[in-house]
Every structure is written in C-alpha cells, then in structure tokens.
Amino acid sequence: MLLAAALTAIGLLVSGLVSNQIVAAVVAMGVGILLWMIDTLGYLLPDPLDTIFTHLSLVAHFSPFATGALFLSDVGFFLTIVLVGLFLSVRALARR
C-alpha cells in the first residue's frame, strides 16, 4: 500500500505540473520506472554517488516488506514521498 501511495503521489504531482494528460501519464510512468531501477544504475557509479542512488530506490525500500520485515526507515521513506508529493501537488494546483 505504501508503494502504491508513493507512486500515486508522484503521478498526482506530475499531473498537477503538466497541462496535458497523456504527457503527465508518460512522465509519471517514467519517473516511477526510474525510481524503481535507480539502484541498478547506482551500482555503475563511483563510491559516494552509488549510496545516494541506492537510498533513493523504491526497490531497496520495498524489498524488506516483501520478505516480511518492517523497518521504520522504509515506512518513513514511503511516507515522506507521499507527503512531499501531496504537498507539492497542492502547491502546484494552488498556483494555477
């Protein structure tokens, strides 16, 4: 549920920033896929950047949930994405 909420908040943010629905769907899907695969790209980067990219990955924070472990840092990561995404969506829509 947290992963779905995070991806929905990202999609809502992109939808609030872009005026075309199809462009918003493609960009939101692209951002979601990028955040899903960013840990794979992080392994190709040098040492300080690979840890940053790995910590931004959705897979790195979702994998413990799939194995049955519940870490507060992973829950906080997803809740942060949801809250920041919703806050920025409200700000983008209020700007219009």
C-alpha atoms as a PDB file:
ATOM      1  CA  MET A   1       0.000   0.000   0.000  1.00  0.00           C
ATOM      2  CA  LEU A   2       2.862   2.361   0.771  1.00  0.00           C
ATOM      3  CA  LEU A   3       4.464   1.745  -2.623  1.00  0.00           C
ATOM      4  CA  ALA A   4       1.152   2.356  -4.386  1.00  0.00           C
ATOM      5  CA  ALA A   5       0.579   5.527  -2.367  1.00  0.00           C
ATOM      6  CA  ALA A   6       4.069   6.804  -3.219  1.00  0.00           C
ATOM      7  CA  LEU A   7       3.644   6.150  -6.929  1.00  0.00           C
ATOM      8  CA  THR A   8       0.179   7.731  -6.851  1.00  0.00           C
ATOM      9  CA  ALA A   9       1.532  10.847  -5.131  1.00  0.00           C
ATOM     10  CA  ILE A  10       4.261  11.120  -7.766  1.00  0.00           C
ATOM     11  CA  GLY A  11       1.674  10.743 -10.517  1.00  0.00           C
ATOM     12  CA  LEU A  12      -0.542  13.356  -8.917  1.00  0.00           C
ATOM     13  CA  LEU A  13       2.369  15.771  -8.661  1.00  0.00           C
ATOM     14  CA  VAL A  14       3.309  15.308 -12.301  1.00  0.00           C
ATOM     15  CA  SER A  15      -0.333  15.678 -13.303  1.00  0.00           C
ATOM     16  CA  GLY A  16      -0.545  18.971 -11.434  1.00  0.00           C
ATOM     17  CA  LEU A  17       2.583  20.313 -13.125  1.00  0.00           C
ATOM     18  CA  VAL A  18       1.716  19.346 -16.703  1.00  0.00           C
ATOM     19  CA  SER A  19      -1.349  20.518 -18.604  1.00  0.00           C
ATOM     20  CA  ASN A  20      -1.646  17.521 -20.960  1.00  0.00           C
ATOM     21  CA  GLN A  21      -2.949  14.241 -19.519  1.00  0.00           C
ATOM     22  CA  ILE A  22      -1.015  11.948 -21.826  1.00  0.00           C
ATOM     23  CA  VAL A  23       2.257  13.745 -21.153  1.00  0.00           C
ATOM     24  CA  ALA A  24       1.544  13.545 -17.426  1.00  0.00           C
ATOM     25  CA  ALA A  25       0.913   9.792 -17.646  1.00  0.00           C
ATOM     26  CA  VAL A  26       4.096   9.147 -19.628  1.00  0.00           C
ATOM     27  CA  VAL A  27       6.255  11.313 -17.343  1.00  0.00           C
ATOM     28  CA  ALA A  28       4.763   9.800 -14.175  1.00  0.00           C
ATOM     29  CA  MET A  29       5.344   6.301 -15.501  1.00  0.00           C
ATOM     30  CA  GLY A  30       8.888   7.248 -16.479  1.00  0.00           C
ATOM     31  CA  VAL A  31       9.644   8.691 -13.023  1.00  0.00           C
ATOM     32  CA  GLY A  32       8.184   5.589 -11.386  1.00  0.00           C
ATOM     33  CA  ILE A  33      10.275   3.262 -13.525  1.00  0.00           C
ATOM     34  CA  LEU A  34      13.367   5.417 -12.950  1.00  0.00           C
ATOM     35  CA  LEU A  35      12.895   5.275  -9.166  1.00  0.00           C
ATOM     36  CA  TRP A  36      12.312   1.536  -9.437  1.00  0.00           C
ATOM     37  CA  MET A  37      15.506   0.903 -11.423  1.00  0.00           C
ATOM     38  CA  ILE A  38      17.773   3.569  -9.918  1.00  0.00           C
ATOM     39  CA  ASP A  39      19.546   1.098  -7.645  1.00  0.00           C
ATOM     40  CA  THR A  40      20.744  -0.834 -10.702  1.00  0.00           C
ATOM     41  CA  LEU A  41      22.114   2.378 -12.164  1.00  0.00           C
ATOM     42  CA  GLY A  42      23.655   3.278  -8.819  1.00  0.00           C
ATOM     43  CA  TYR A  43      25.939   0.264  -8.877  1.00  0.00           C
ATOM     44  CA  LEU A  44      27.588   1.642 -12.017  1.00  0.00           C
ATOM     45  CA  LEU A  45      28.520   4.950 -10.372  1.00  0.00           C
ATOM     46  CA  PRO A  46      31.548   5.735  -8.193  1.00  0.00           C
ATOM     47  CA  ASP A  47      31.502   5.296  -4.429  1.00  0.00           C
ATOM     48  CA  PRO A  48      29.770   8.372  -2.968  1.00  0.00           C
ATOM     49  CA  LEU A  49      27.090   8.515  -5.655  1.00  0.00           C
ATOM     50  CA  ASP A  50      26.132   4.835  -5.567  1.00  0.00           C
ATOM     51  CA  THR A  51      24.937   5.008  -1.957  1.00  0.00           C
ATOM     52  CA  ILE A  52      22.849   8.114  -2.686  1.00  0.00           C
ATOM     53  CA  PHE A  53      21.194   6.472  -5.680  1.00  0.00           C
ATOM     54  CA  THR A  54      20.614   3.248  -3.778  1.00  0.00           C
ATOM     55  CA  HIS A  55      18.917   5.118  -0.935  1.00  0.00           C
ATOM     56  CA  LEU A  56      16.553   6.788  -3.444  1.00  0.00           C
ATOM     57  CA  SER A  57      15.477   3.455  -4.906  1.00  0.00           C
ATOM     58  CA  LEU A  58      11.963   2.159  -4.380  1.00  0.00           C
ATOM     59  CA  VAL A  59      13.165  -1.442  -4.640  1.00  0.00           C
ATOM     60  CA  ALA A  60      15.710  -1.014  -1.858  1.00  0.00           C
ATOM     61  CA  HIS A  61      12.969   0.160   0.494  1.00  0.00           C
ATOM     62  CA  PHE A  62      10.301  -2.249  -0.754  1.00  0.00           C
ATOM     63  CA  SER A  63      12.378  -5.457  -0.565  1.00  0.00           C
ATOM     64  CA  PRO A  64      12.229  -5.753   3.254  1.00  0.00           C
ATOM     65  CA  PHE A  65       8.417  -5.572   3.082  1.00  0.00           C
ATOM     66  CA  ALA A  66       8.402  -8.422   0.564  1.00  0.00           C
ATOM     67  CA  THR A  67      10.421 -10.595   2.948  1.00  0.00           C
ATOM     68  CA  GLY A  68       8.202  -9.794   5.924  1.00  0.00           C
ATOM     69  CA  ALA A  69      10.468  -7.310   7.698  1.00  0.00           C
ATOM     70  CA  LEU A  70       9.093  -3.963   8.756  1.00  0.00           C
ATOM     71  CA  PHE A  71      11.678  -1.237   9.231  1.00  0.00           C
ATOM     72  CA  LEU A  72      10.678   2.207  10.384  1.00  0.00           C
ATOM     73  CA  SER A  73      13.162   3.813   7.979  1.00  0.00           C
ATOM     74  CA  ASP A  74      11.422   2.201   4.998  1.00  0.00           C
ATOM     75  CA  VAL A  75       7.994   3.265   6.232  1.00  0.00           C
ATOM     76  CA  GLY A  76       9.347   6.781   6.762  1.00  0.00           C
ATOM     77  CA  PHE A  77      10.785   6.820   3.242  1.00  0.00           C
ATOM     78  CA  PHE A  78       7.450   5.984   1.655  1.00  0.00           C
ATOM     79  CA  LEU A  79       5.513   8.336   3.924  1.00  0.00           C
ATOM     80  CA  THR A  80       7.949  11.132   3.080  1.00  0.00           C
ATOM     81  CA  ILE A  81       7.439  10.594  -0.637  1.00  0.00           C
ATOM     82  CA  VAL A  82       3.665  10.591  -0.166  1.00  0.00           C
ATOM     83  CA  LEU A  83       3.583  13.705   1.999  1.00  0.00           C
ATOM     84  CA  VAL A  84       6.028  15.691  -0.144  1.00  0.00           C
ATOM     85  CA  GLY A  85       4.237  14.618  -3.318  1.00  0.00           C
ATOM     86  CA  LEU A  86       0.840  15.639  -1.973  1.00  0.00           C
ATOM     87  CA  PHE A  87       2.155  18.915  -0.553  1.00  0.00           C
ATOM     88  CA  LEU A  88       3.805  19.875  -3.846  1.00  0.00           C
ATOM     89  CA  SER A  89       0.663  18.820  -5.753  1.00  0.00           C
ATOM     90  CA  VAL A  90      -1.480  21.141  -3.658  1.00  0.00           C
ATOM     91  CA  ARG A  91       1.043  23.961  -4.175  1.00  0.00           C
ATOM     92  CA  ALA A  92       1.111  23.351  -7.942  1.00  0.00           C
ATOM     93  CA  LEU A  93      -2.680  23.372  -8.187  1.00  0.00           C
ATOM     94  CA  ALA A  94      -2.972  26.463  -5.999  1.00  0.00           C
ATOM     95  CA  ARG A  95      -0.535  28.239  -8.310  1.00  0.00           C
ATOM     96  CA  ARG A  96      -2.883  27.725 -11.243  1.00  0.00           C
END
